[in-house]
Structures are given as C-alpha cells and as structure tokens.
Amino acid sequence: MKYYLSLITLFVMLTNSIAYAITPSADKKAIPSKIVEYKQIGGISLNLHIFNPKVHQETDSRAAIVFFHGGGWSSGTPRQFYRQSKYLADRGMVAISAEYRLAQKHHSTPKESVKDGKSAMRWIRAHAKELGINPNMIAAGGGSAGGQIWLWTSAGCRLLATVFSVTQYYQGYTSHDRFFWRQRYRGKN
C-alpha cells in the first residue's frame, strides 16, 4: 500500500510542471462528477470538485488523490487540475480538486489557506464512506502554493519558511521573490 501511494506521489510531482501549462479552458471535457461544500467560513463557501470513475459506487473503497491548485497564494482555480483528475478517475481513482481561500479574492494569508487544506483532508476522511474511498489510501499533491499546502496537510510541517524556500528554489524563484512573499504576507521589510 505504501508503495502504491509512493508511486502516486511521484506521478503528482512529475505532473506538477504540466499543471502550470493548463489554462482553465484547456480541457472542456474534464467536468467533475459532483461539487460539494466542505467548509463555510465568514460567508465564504469552499468546495471540493470530485471526479469519480465511471463505474463508481458509494460502497467502493477506492484510492483517492486530492489536488491543491497553484497561484502564489493569491489566485488560481481548482480547474488547474481538472485534466489530471479526469485522467486518474478514468483509471479507477477518485480524484478531488480542492478550493482554498486566496489573498486577492478573500484577503487571506497562506496560514488560512493551509487551514483550508487541512479542513479539506479532514472532511474527505470523515466522509470517505459516502465518497466511496478508502480513508487510508488518500494521496495529495499540488502546484506551487498548492504544493506547499499538501506538504503541510500531509506532513504536518511547522517550518513554513523552510518549505517555502525549498519549493520555490526548486521552481526557480529568486531570493527577491521570497523577500516579496515575506513582505506581502508577514508585513516585514
């Protein structure tokens, strides 16, 4: 089982760069099976965009994957991972693309976005039976800010600055970008 989840995680990491090239209109055939609300906070409704396999029943106990979109904590949409979600659903997994609060739209910080990611994972585990998934076989992944959210939700990491620096270095950001992030979200110069 751990081997299977490791392969899924590797797949997600490899498709991370592909996800950035996908625009919201890139794959019009990728439509979620259903969209459900997992959290309501301060008048904001956050949803999970769920892609089920073709012959999926609530009595199933399938593996699942949760995607968190990128967008530098300030923009983005769950549609970023529709193509990957459809691909995996066509191969028998339940794939979920999660919404979280964004700086531009909801005036939030990365801390609130991470809280939303954790809430999404808790909600999915709590409703695993009605979703037809195995709560012990849930993988997660994401692009850019979404990649950092899944790190926090899956590993419980408490060192945001370290995670941010490592992931942004991998993605080719400069120290100036990290300075901008600290200044914008922490209020430091």
N, C-alpha and C. Protein backbone atom coordinates (compact mmCIF):
# COMPACT_ATOMS: atom_id res chain seq x y z
N MET A 1 0.83 -1.18 0.00
CA MET A 1 0.00 0.00 0.00
C MET A 1 0.88 1.26 0.00
N LYS A 2 1.96 1.26 0.81
CA LYS A 2 2.85 2.42 0.84
C LYS A 2 3.52 2.61 -0.52
N TYR A 3 3.86 1.48 -1.17
CA TYR A 3 4.47 1.55 -2.48
C TYR A 3 3.53 2.21 -3.47
N TYR A 4 2.25 1.85 -3.42
CA TYR A 4 1.24 2.39 -4.31
C TYR A 4 1.11 3.91 -4.11
N LEU A 5 1.05 4.33 -2.86
CA LEU A 5 0.94 5.77 -2.58
C LEU A 5 2.21 6.51 -2.97
N SER A 6 3.36 5.86 -2.84
CA SER A 6 4.62 6.48 -3.27
C SER A 6 4.61 6.71 -4.77
N LEU A 7 4.10 5.74 -5.52
CA LEU A 7 4.01 5.90 -6.97
C LEU A 7 3.07 7.03 -7.35
N ILE A 8 1.96 7.14 -6.63
CA ILE A 8 1.01 8.22 -6.91
C ILE A 8 1.67 9.56 -6.62
N THR A 9 2.36 9.67 -5.50
CA THR A 9 3.03 10.92 -5.14
C THR A 9 4.07 11.28 -6.19
N LEU A 10 4.83 10.30 -6.65
CA LEU A 10 5.83 10.54 -7.70
C LEU A 10 5.15 11.04 -8.96
N PHE A 11 4.03 10.42 -9.33
CA PHE A 11 3.28 10.86 -10.50
C PHE A 11 2.85 12.32 -10.36
N VAL A 12 2.35 12.68 -9.19
CA VAL A 12 1.89 14.05 -8.95
C VAL A 12 3.06 15.02 -9.07
N MET A 13 4.20 14.65 -8.52
CA MET A 13 5.36 15.53 -8.60
C MET A 13 5.79 15.73 -10.05
N LEU A 14 5.73 14.68 -10.84
CA LEU A 14 6.12 14.78 -12.24
C LEU A 14 5.14 15.61 -13.05
N THR A 15 3.87 15.56 -12.69
CA THR A 15 2.87 16.32 -13.44
C THR A 15 2.73 17.75 -12.93
N ASN A 16 3.44 18.10 -11.87
CA ASN A 16 3.36 19.44 -11.30
C ASN A 16 3.67 20.51 -12.35
N SER A 17 4.72 20.31 -13.12
CA SER A 17 5.08 21.32 -14.12
C SER A 17 4.06 21.38 -15.24
N ILE A 18 3.43 20.25 -15.56
CA ILE A 18 2.41 20.23 -16.60
C ILE A 18 1.19 21.03 -16.16
N ALA A 19 0.87 20.96 -14.88
CA ALA A 19 -0.33 21.64 -14.37
C ALA A 19 -0.27 23.14 -14.61
N TYR A 20 0.92 23.73 -14.54
CA TYR A 20 1.03 25.17 -14.74
C TYR A 20 0.72 25.58 -16.16
N ALA A 21 0.90 24.66 -17.12
CA ALA A 21 0.64 24.98 -18.51
C ALA A 21 -0.84 24.90 -18.86
N ILE A 22 -1.63 24.34 -17.98
CA ILE A 22 -3.05 24.15 -18.26
C ILE A 22 -3.82 25.41 -17.87
N THR A 23 -4.56 25.92 -18.81
CA THR A 23 -5.44 27.05 -18.53
C THR A 23 -6.82 26.53 -18.17
N PRO A 24 -7.67 27.32 -17.54
CA PRO A 24 -8.99 26.83 -17.18
C PRO A 24 -9.79 26.28 -18.35
N SER A 25 -9.57 26.75 -19.57
CA SER A 25 -10.33 26.27 -20.71
C SER A 25 -9.59 25.20 -21.51
N ALA A 26 -8.48 24.69 -20.99
CA ALA A 26 -7.64 23.76 -21.74
C ALA A 26 -8.33 22.44 -22.03
N ASP A 27 -9.15 21.94 -21.12
CA ASP A 27 -9.79 20.65 -21.33
C ASP A 27 -11.27 20.76 -20.97
N LYS A 28 -12.10 21.07 -21.97
CA LYS A 28 -13.52 21.28 -21.71
C LYS A 28 -14.25 19.99 -21.39
N LYS A 29 -13.64 18.84 -21.70
CA LYS A 29 -14.28 17.56 -21.43
C LYS A 29 -14.10 17.14 -19.97
N ALA A 30 -13.20 17.76 -19.28
CA ALA A 30 -12.96 17.41 -17.88
C ALA A 30 -13.95 18.16 -17.00
N ILE A 31 -15.02 17.49 -16.64
CA ILE A 31 -16.07 18.08 -15.81
C ILE A 31 -16.22 17.20 -14.57
N PRO A 32 -16.23 17.79 -13.38
CA PRO A 32 -16.36 16.98 -12.16
C PRO A 32 -17.68 16.22 -12.11
N SER A 33 -17.64 15.06 -11.45
CA SER A 33 -18.85 14.28 -11.23
C SER A 33 -19.79 15.02 -10.31
N LYS A 34 -19.21 15.68 -9.32
CA LYS A 34 -20.00 16.50 -8.40
C LYS A 34 -19.10 17.50 -7.70
N ILE A 35 -19.72 18.55 -7.21
CA ILE A 35 -19.02 19.58 -6.43
C ILE A 35 -19.74 19.66 -5.09
N VAL A 36 -18.97 19.47 -4.01
CA VAL A 36 -19.56 19.50 -2.67
C VAL A 36 -18.85 20.54 -1.80
N GLU A 37 -19.61 21.15 -0.93
CA GLU A 37 -19.06 22.13 0.01
C GLU A 37 -18.44 21.39 1.18
N TYR A 38 -17.20 21.73 1.51
CA TYR A 38 -16.56 21.10 2.66
C TYR A 38 -16.36 22.08 3.82
N LYS A 39 -16.49 23.37 3.54
CA LYS A 39 -16.26 24.35 4.61
C LYS A 39 -16.96 25.66 4.26
N GLN A 40 -17.53 26.26 5.28
CA GLN A 40 -18.09 27.60 5.15
C GLN A 40 -17.50 28.42 6.29
N ILE A 41 -16.86 29.54 5.92
CA ILE A 41 -16.23 30.37 6.93
C ILE A 41 -16.38 31.84 6.52
N GLY A 42 -16.93 32.62 7.40
CA GLY A 42 -17.11 34.05 7.14
C GLY A 42 -17.87 34.35 5.86
N GLY A 43 -18.88 33.57 5.56
CA GLY A 43 -19.67 33.79 4.34
C GLY A 43 -19.02 33.25 3.08
N ILE A 44 -17.86 32.61 3.21
CA ILE A 44 -17.15 32.04 2.07
C ILE A 44 -17.41 30.53 2.03
N SER A 45 -17.86 30.07 0.89
CA SER A 45 -18.11 28.65 0.69
C SER A 45 -16.95 28.03 -0.08
N LEU A 46 -16.33 26.98 0.49
CA LEU A 46 -15.22 26.29 -0.16
C LEU A 46 -15.67 24.90 -0.59
N ASN A 47 -15.34 24.54 -1.82
CA ASN A 47 -15.84 23.31 -2.41
C ASN A 47 -14.74 22.34 -2.80
N LEU A 48 -15.15 21.08 -2.94
CA LEU A 48 -14.32 20.02 -3.48
C LEU A 48 -14.91 19.62 -4.82
N HIS A 49 -14.09 19.60 -5.85
CA HIS A 49 -14.50 19.21 -7.19
C HIS A 49 -14.10 17.75 -7.36
N ILE A 50 -15.09 16.86 -7.33
CA ILE A 50 -14.83 15.42 -7.25
C ILE A 50 -15.03 14.75 -8.61
N PHE A 51 -14.03 13.98 -9.02
CA PHE A 51 -14.07 13.20 -10.26
C PHE A 51 -14.12 11.73 -9.86
N ASN A 52 -15.24 11.06 -10.17
CA ASN A 52 -15.40 9.64 -9.86
C ASN A 52 -15.13 8.78 -11.09
N PRO A 53 -14.66 7.55 -10.88
CA PRO A 53 -14.54 6.62 -12.01
C PRO A 53 -15.93 6.35 -12.59
N LYS A 54 -15.97 5.85 -13.82
CA LYS A 54 -17.26 5.64 -14.50
C LYS A 54 -18.17 4.69 -13.75
N VAL A 55 -17.66 3.58 -13.27
CA VAL A 55 -18.48 2.63 -12.52
C VAL A 55 -18.12 2.73 -11.04
N HIS A 56 -18.54 3.81 -10.44
CA HIS A 56 -18.19 4.09 -9.05
C HIS A 56 -19.46 4.04 -8.20
N GLN A 57 -19.34 3.40 -7.04
CA GLN A 57 -20.46 3.32 -6.11
C GLN A 57 -20.00 3.76 -4.73
N GLU A 58 -20.96 4.17 -3.92
CA GLU A 58 -20.63 4.58 -2.55
C GLU A 58 -20.07 3.43 -1.73
N THR A 59 -20.38 2.21 -2.12
CA THR A 59 -19.89 1.05 -1.36
C THR A 59 -18.45 0.70 -1.71
N ASP A 60 -17.87 1.36 -2.72
CA ASP A 60 -16.48 1.11 -3.10
C ASP A 60 -15.54 1.58 -1.99
N SER A 61 -14.32 1.11 -2.07
CA SER A 61 -13.26 1.55 -1.16
C SER A 61 -12.02 1.82 -2.00
N ARG A 62 -12.09 2.86 -2.81
CA ARG A 62 -11.05 3.17 -3.78
C ARG A 62 -9.99 4.11 -3.21
N ALA A 63 -8.84 4.08 -3.86
CA ALA A 63 -7.79 5.05 -3.55
C ALA A 63 -8.24 6.41 -4.07
N ALA A 64 -7.77 7.47 -3.44
CA ALA A 64 -8.14 8.82 -3.85
C ALA A 64 -6.91 9.72 -3.84
N ILE A 65 -7.02 10.81 -4.57
CA ILE A 65 -5.97 11.83 -4.57
C ILE A 65 -6.64 13.19 -4.50
N VAL A 66 -6.05 14.08 -3.74
CA VAL A 66 -6.56 15.45 -3.58
C VAL A 66 -5.52 16.40 -4.15
N PHE A 67 -5.95 17.27 -5.06
CA PHE A 67 -5.07 18.26 -5.67
C PHE A 67 -5.39 19.65 -5.11
N PHE A 68 -4.32 20.42 -4.85
CA PHE A 68 -4.45 21.82 -4.44
C PHE A 68 -3.78 22.66 -5.52
N HIS A 69 -4.54 23.57 -6.12
CA HIS A 69 -4.05 24.37 -7.24
C HIS A 69 -2.99 25.37 -6.80
N GLY A 70 -2.21 25.82 -7.77
CA GLY A 70 -1.22 26.86 -7.53
C GLY A 70 -1.80 28.23 -7.77
N GLY A 71 -0.96 29.24 -7.61
CA GLY A 71 -1.40 30.60 -7.85
C GLY A 71 -0.75 31.61 -6.91
N GLY A 72 0.36 31.20 -6.29
CA GLY A 72 1.09 32.14 -5.44
C GLY A 72 0.30 32.65 -4.26
N TRP A 73 -0.59 31.84 -3.73
CA TRP A 73 -1.42 32.17 -2.57
C TRP A 73 -2.46 33.24 -2.87
N SER A 74 -2.44 33.83 -4.07
CA SER A 74 -3.34 34.94 -4.32
C SER A 74 -4.34 34.70 -5.44
N SER A 75 -4.13 33.72 -6.28
CA SER A 75 -5.05 33.47 -7.38
C SER A 75 -5.06 31.98 -7.69
N GLY A 76 -5.78 31.61 -8.73
CA GLY A 76 -5.85 30.22 -9.14
C GLY A 76 -7.25 29.65 -8.98
N THR A 77 -7.42 28.45 -9.52
CA THR A 77 -8.72 27.80 -9.50
C THR A 77 -8.53 26.29 -9.49
N PRO A 78 -9.46 25.55 -8.91
CA PRO A 78 -9.36 24.09 -8.92
C PRO A 78 -9.33 23.50 -10.33
N ARG A 79 -9.77 24.27 -11.33
CA ARG A 79 -9.74 23.79 -12.71
C ARG A 79 -8.33 23.47 -13.18
N GLN A 80 -7.33 24.01 -12.51
CA GLN A 80 -5.94 23.76 -12.89
C GLN A 80 -5.63 22.26 -12.92
N PHE A 81 -6.28 21.48 -12.06
CA PHE A 81 -6.01 20.04 -12.00
C PHE A 81 -7.16 19.20 -12.54
N TYR A 82 -8.05 19.79 -13.32
CA TYR A 82 -9.15 19.01 -13.90
C TYR A 82 -8.62 17.92 -14.83
N ARG A 83 -7.66 18.23 -15.65
CA ARG A 83 -7.14 17.25 -16.61
C ARG A 83 -6.53 16.05 -15.87
N GLN A 84 -5.71 16.30 -14.88
CA GLN A 84 -5.10 15.22 -14.11
C GLN A 84 -6.17 14.43 -13.35
N SER A 85 -7.15 15.14 -12.82
CA SER A 85 -8.22 14.48 -12.08
C SER A 85 -9.02 13.54 -12.99
N LYS A 86 -9.35 14.01 -14.17
CA LYS A 86 -10.09 13.18 -15.12
C LYS A 86 -9.25 11.96 -15.53
N TYR A 87 -7.97 12.19 -15.77
CA TYR A 87 -7.07 11.10 -16.16
C TYR A 87 -7.05 10.00 -15.10
N LEU A 88 -6.91 10.38 -13.85
CA LEU A 88 -6.85 9.39 -12.78
C LEU A 88 -8.21 8.75 -12.53
N ALA A 89 -9.29 9.51 -12.66
CA ALA A 89 -10.63 8.94 -12.48
C ALA A 89 -10.91 7.92 -13.58
N ASP A 90 -10.45 8.19 -14.79
CA ASP A 90 -10.63 7.23 -15.89
C ASP A 90 -9.86 5.94 -15.65
N ARG A 91 -8.91 5.96 -14.74
CA ARG A 91 -8.11 4.78 -14.42
C ARG A 91 -8.48 4.17 -13.06
N GLY A 92 -9.60 4.60 -12.49
CA GLY A 92 -10.13 3.93 -11.31
C GLY A 92 -9.97 4.63 -9.98
N MET A 93 -9.32 5.78 -9.93
CA MET A 93 -9.18 6.51 -8.66
C MET A 93 -10.26 7.57 -8.53
N VAL A 94 -10.54 7.94 -7.31
CA VAL A 94 -11.37 9.11 -7.07
C VAL A 94 -10.39 10.29 -6.97
N ALA A 95 -10.58 11.29 -7.80
CA ALA A 95 -9.69 12.45 -7.81
C ALA A 95 -10.48 13.68 -7.38
N ILE A 96 -9.85 14.49 -6.54
CA ILE A 96 -10.53 15.66 -5.97
C ILE A 96 -9.65 16.88 -6.14
N SER A 97 -10.21 17.97 -6.63
CA SER A 97 -9.51 19.23 -6.75
C SER A 97 -10.16 20.20 -5.76
N ALA A 98 -9.37 20.70 -4.81
CA ALA A 98 -9.91 21.47 -3.69
C ALA A 98 -9.74 22.98 -3.87
N GLU A 99 -10.72 23.71 -3.40
CA GLU A 99 -10.64 25.17 -3.31
C GLU A 99 -10.07 25.54 -1.94
N TYR A 100 -9.42 26.68 -1.88
CA TYR A 100 -8.99 27.25 -0.60
C TYR A 100 -9.00 28.77 -0.72
N ARG A 101 -8.98 29.45 0.41
CA ARG A 101 -9.04 30.91 0.40
C ARG A 101 -7.78 31.50 -0.24
N LEU A 102 -7.98 32.60 -0.97
CA LEU A 102 -6.91 33.26 -1.72
C LEU A 102 -6.78 34.71 -1.29
N ALA A 103 -5.56 35.24 -1.39
CA ALA A 103 -5.30 36.61 -0.95
C ALA A 103 -6.11 37.63 -1.75
N GLN A 104 -6.13 37.52 -3.08
CA GLN A 104 -6.84 38.51 -3.89
C GLN A 104 -8.36 38.45 -3.70
N LYS A 105 -8.88 37.26 -3.64
CA LYS A 105 -10.33 37.09 -3.59
C LYS A 105 -10.91 37.19 -2.18
N HIS A 106 -10.18 36.65 -1.19
CA HIS A 106 -10.72 36.56 0.16
C HIS A 106 -9.92 37.35 1.19
N HIS A 107 -8.87 38.04 0.75
CA HIS A 107 -8.00 38.82 1.64
C HIS A 107 -7.44 37.94 2.77
N SER A 108 -6.96 36.78 2.41
CA SER A 108 -6.44 35.83 3.39
C SER A 108 -4.92 35.73 3.27
N THR A 109 -4.34 35.03 4.21
CA THR A 109 -2.90 34.78 4.22
C THR A 109 -2.66 33.30 3.93
N PRO A 110 -1.41 32.91 3.67
CA PRO A 110 -1.12 31.49 3.47
C PRO A 110 -1.53 30.62 4.65
N LYS A 111 -1.50 31.19 5.85
CA LYS A 111 -1.89 30.41 7.03
C LYS A 111 -3.34 29.94 6.92
N GLU A 112 -4.23 30.83 6.48
CA GLU A 112 -5.63 30.44 6.31
C GLU A 112 -5.79 29.41 5.18
N SER A 113 -4.99 29.56 4.12
CA SER A 113 -5.04 28.60 3.01
C SER A 113 -4.65 27.20 3.48
N VAL A 114 -3.62 27.14 4.32
CA VAL A 114 -3.19 25.85 4.86
C VAL A 114 -4.28 25.27 5.77
N LYS A 115 -4.91 26.11 6.57
CA LYS A 115 -6.02 25.64 7.41
C LYS A 115 -7.13 25.05 6.55
N ASP A 116 -7.40 25.70 5.41
CA ASP A 116 -8.43 25.19 4.50
C ASP A 116 -8.02 23.83 3.93
N GLY A 117 -6.74 23.68 3.60
CA GLY A 117 -6.25 22.40 3.10
C GLY A 117 -6.41 21.30 4.12
N LYS A 118 -6.08 21.61 5.37
CA LYS A 118 -6.25 20.63 6.44
C LYS A 118 -7.73 20.30 6.64
N SER A 119 -8.59 21.32 6.56
CA SER A 119 -10.04 21.09 6.69
C SER A 119 -10.54 20.19 5.57
N ALA A 120 -10.03 20.40 4.35
CA ALA A 120 -10.45 19.58 3.22
C ALA A 120 -10.07 18.12 3.46
N MET A 121 -8.85 17.87 3.90
CA MET A 121 -8.40 16.49 4.15
C MET A 121 -9.22 15.85 5.27
N ARG A 122 -9.50 16.61 6.34
CA ARG A 122 -10.32 16.06 7.43
C ARG A 122 -11.73 15.73 6.94
N TRP A 123 -12.31 16.63 6.14
CA TRP A 123 -13.65 16.41 5.63
C TRP A 123 -13.69 15.16 4.75
N ILE A 124 -12.70 15.01 3.89
CA ILE A 124 -12.65 13.86 2.99
C ILE A 124 -12.53 12.56 3.79
N ARG A 125 -11.67 12.55 4.79
CA ARG A 125 -11.54 11.34 5.62
C ARG A 125 -12.83 11.05 6.38
N ALA A 126 -13.47 12.07 6.90
CA ALA A 126 -14.72 11.89 7.66
C ALA A 126 -15.86 11.40 6.77
N HIS A 127 -15.84 11.75 5.49
CA HIS A 127 -16.91 11.38 4.56
C HIS A 127 -16.44 10.32 3.56
N ALA A 128 -15.39 9.61 3.90
CA ALA A 128 -14.81 8.62 2.98
C ALA A 128 -15.82 7.56 2.56
N LYS A 129 -16.61 7.10 3.49
CA LYS A 129 -17.57 6.03 3.18
C LYS A 129 -18.59 6.49 2.14
N GLU A 130 -19.14 7.69 2.31
CA GLU A 130 -20.13 8.16 1.34
C GLU A 130 -19.49 8.58 0.01
N LEU A 131 -18.19 8.85 0.02
CA LEU A 131 -17.48 9.16 -1.23
C LEU A 131 -16.99 7.90 -1.94
N GLY A 132 -17.05 6.76 -1.24
CA GLY A 132 -16.59 5.51 -1.83
C GLY A 132 -15.08 5.40 -1.92
N ILE A 133 -14.38 5.97 -0.92
CA ILE A 133 -12.92 5.90 -0.91
C ILE A 133 -12.42 5.27 0.38
N ASN A 134 -11.20 4.79 0.32
CA ASN A 134 -10.53 4.22 1.48
C ASN A 134 -9.83 5.36 2.21
N PRO A 135 -10.19 5.66 3.46
CA PRO A 135 -9.58 6.80 4.16
C PRO A 135 -8.09 6.62 4.43
N ASN A 136 -7.58 5.40 4.28
CA ASN A 136 -6.15 5.15 4.49
C ASN A 136 -5.35 5.15 3.20
N MET A 137 -6.03 5.44 2.08
CA MET A 137 -5.36 5.48 0.79
C MET A 137 -5.66 6.78 0.07
N ILE A 138 -5.34 7.89 0.73
CA ILE A 138 -5.56 9.21 0.15
C ILE A 138 -4.20 9.86 -0.06
N ALA A 139 -3.89 10.15 -1.32
CA ALA A 139 -2.67 10.87 -1.66
C ALA A 139 -3.04 12.34 -1.88
N ALA A 140 -2.03 13.20 -1.89
CA ALA A 140 -2.27 14.61 -2.13
C ALA A 140 -1.14 15.18 -2.96
N GLY A 141 -1.42 16.25 -3.66
CA GLY A 141 -0.42 16.92 -4.46
C GLY A 141 -0.90 18.31 -4.83
N GLY A 142 -0.01 19.07 -5.44
CA GLY A 142 -0.39 20.41 -5.84
C GLY A 142 0.72 21.10 -6.57
N GLY A 143 0.40 22.24 -7.13
CA GLY A 143 1.37 23.05 -7.84
C GLY A 143 1.63 24.34 -7.11
N SER A 144 2.89 24.72 -7.00
CA SER A 144 3.29 25.98 -6.39
C SER A 144 2.73 26.11 -4.97
N ALA A 145 1.88 27.09 -4.71
CA ALA A 145 1.31 27.25 -3.37
C ALA A 145 0.54 26.00 -2.97
N GLY A 146 -0.14 25.37 -3.92
CA GLY A 146 -0.87 24.14 -3.64
C GLY A 146 0.06 23.01 -3.22
N GLY A 147 1.27 22.99 -3.78
CA GLY A 147 2.27 22.00 -3.37
C GLY A 147 2.67 22.20 -1.92
N GLN A 148 2.76 23.45 -1.51
CA GLN A 148 3.09 23.72 -0.12
C GLN A 148 1.92 23.36 0.80
N ILE A 149 0.71 23.57 0.34
CA ILE A 149 -0.46 23.20 1.15
C ILE A 149 -0.48 21.71 1.37
N TRP A 150 -0.25 20.91 0.32
CA TRP A 150 -0.29 19.46 0.53
C TRP A 150 0.85 19.01 1.42
N LEU A 151 2.00 19.68 1.37
CA LEU A 151 3.09 19.33 2.30
C LEU A 151 2.64 19.54 3.74
N TRP A 152 2.00 20.66 3.99
CA TRP A 152 1.53 20.95 5.34
C TRP A 152 0.44 20.00 5.78
N THR A 153 -0.48 19.67 4.88
CA THR A 153 -1.59 18.81 5.26
C THR A 153 -1.16 17.37 5.45
N SER A 154 -0.17 16.92 4.69
CA SER A 154 0.22 15.51 4.78
C SER A 154 1.34 15.28 5.78
N ALA A 155 2.24 16.22 5.93
CA ALA A 155 3.39 16.02 6.80
C ALA A 155 3.25 16.73 8.14
N GLY A 156 2.33 17.67 8.24
CA GLY A 156 2.19 18.43 9.48
C GLY A 156 3.40 19.31 9.74
N CYS A 157 4.05 19.74 8.68
CA CYS A 157 5.28 20.53 8.79
C CYS A 157 5.00 21.86 9.47
N ARG A 158 5.91 22.28 10.35
CA ARG A 158 5.72 23.55 11.05
C ARG A 158 6.70 24.62 10.59
N LEU A 159 7.53 24.31 9.63
CA LEU A 159 8.53 25.28 9.20
C LEU A 159 8.19 25.83 7.83
N LEU A 160 7.21 26.73 7.79
CA LEU A 160 6.75 27.27 6.52
C LEU A 160 7.88 27.94 5.74
N ALA A 161 8.72 28.69 6.41
CA ALA A 161 9.79 29.39 5.70
C ALA A 161 10.71 28.40 5.00
N THR A 162 11.04 27.30 5.66
CA THR A 162 11.91 26.29 5.06
C THR A 162 11.22 25.63 3.88
N VAL A 163 9.99 25.22 4.06
CA VAL A 163 9.24 24.58 2.98
C VAL A 163 9.12 25.53 1.81
N PHE A 164 8.81 26.79 2.09
CA PHE A 164 8.65 27.77 1.03
C PHE A 164 9.96 27.94 0.26
N SER A 165 11.06 28.09 0.98
CA SER A 165 12.34 28.30 0.33
C SER A 165 12.73 27.11 -0.54
N VAL A 166 12.55 25.91 -0.04
CA VAL A 166 12.93 24.71 -0.79
C VAL A 166 12.08 24.57 -2.04
N THR A 167 10.76 24.69 -1.91
CA THR A 167 9.89 24.50 -3.07
C THR A 167 10.07 25.62 -4.08
N GLN A 168 10.26 26.84 -3.63
CA GLN A 168 10.43 27.94 -4.58
C GLN A 168 11.80 27.86 -5.25
N TYR A 169 12.82 27.39 -4.53
CA TYR A 169 14.12 27.21 -5.15
C TYR A 169 14.02 26.16 -6.26
N TYR A 170 13.30 25.08 -5.98
CA TYR A 170 13.10 24.03 -6.96
C TYR A 170 12.39 24.58 -8.20
N GLN A 171 11.47 25.49 -8.00
CA GLN A 171 10.71 26.03 -9.11
C GLN A 171 11.39 27.21 -9.77
N GLY A 172 12.58 27.59 -9.32
CA GLY A 172 13.35 28.62 -9.98
C GLY A 172 13.10 30.04 -9.52
N TYR A 173 12.49 30.25 -8.37
CA TYR A 173 12.28 31.60 -7.87
C TYR A 173 13.58 32.14 -7.28
N THR A 174 13.67 33.43 -7.23
CA THR A 174 14.88 34.06 -6.70
C THR A 174 14.66 34.49 -5.26
N SER A 175 15.73 34.91 -4.61
CA SER A 175 15.60 35.39 -3.24
C SER A 175 14.75 36.65 -3.19
N HIS A 176 14.72 37.43 -4.29
CA HIS A 176 13.86 38.61 -4.34
C HIS A 176 12.39 38.21 -4.21
N ASP A 177 12.01 37.11 -4.87
CA ASP A 177 10.63 36.64 -4.76
C ASP A 177 10.30 36.24 -3.34
N ARG A 178 11.23 35.58 -2.65
CA ARG A 178 10.99 35.19 -1.26
C ARG A 178 10.87 36.44 -0.39
N PHE A 179 11.68 37.48 -0.69
CA PHE A 179 11.57 38.73 0.05
C PHE A 179 10.18 39.33 -0.15
N PHE A 180 9.70 39.33 -1.41
CA PHE A 180 8.38 39.85 -1.71
C PHE A 180 7.33 39.10 -0.91
N TRP A 181 7.44 37.78 -0.85
CA TRP A 181 6.47 36.97 -0.12
C TRP A 181 6.47 37.35 1.37
N ARG A 182 7.66 37.45 1.96
CA ARG A 182 7.74 37.81 3.38
C ARG A 182 7.14 39.19 3.61
N GLN A 183 7.46 40.14 2.73
CA GLN A 183 6.96 41.49 2.90
C GLN A 183 5.44 41.53 2.73
N ARG A 184 4.91 40.81 1.78
CA ARG A 184 3.48 40.86 1.49
C ARG A 184 2.65 40.15 2.54
N TYR A 185 3.08 38.97 2.97
CA TYR A 185 2.24 38.16 3.84
C TYR A 185 2.62 38.24 5.32
N ARG A 186 3.80 38.66 5.63
CA ARG A 186 4.18 38.77 7.04
C ARG A 186 4.27 40.21 7.50
N GLY A 187 4.27 41.13 6.53
CA GLY A 187 4.35 42.55 6.88
C GLY A 187 5.74 42.97 7.31
N LYS A 188 6.76 42.19 6.93
CA LYS A 188 8.13 42.54 7.30
C LYS A 188 8.85 43.12 6.09
N ASN A 189 9.85 43.92 6.36
CA ASN A 189 10.67 44.50 5.28
C ASN A 189 11.89 43.68 5.02
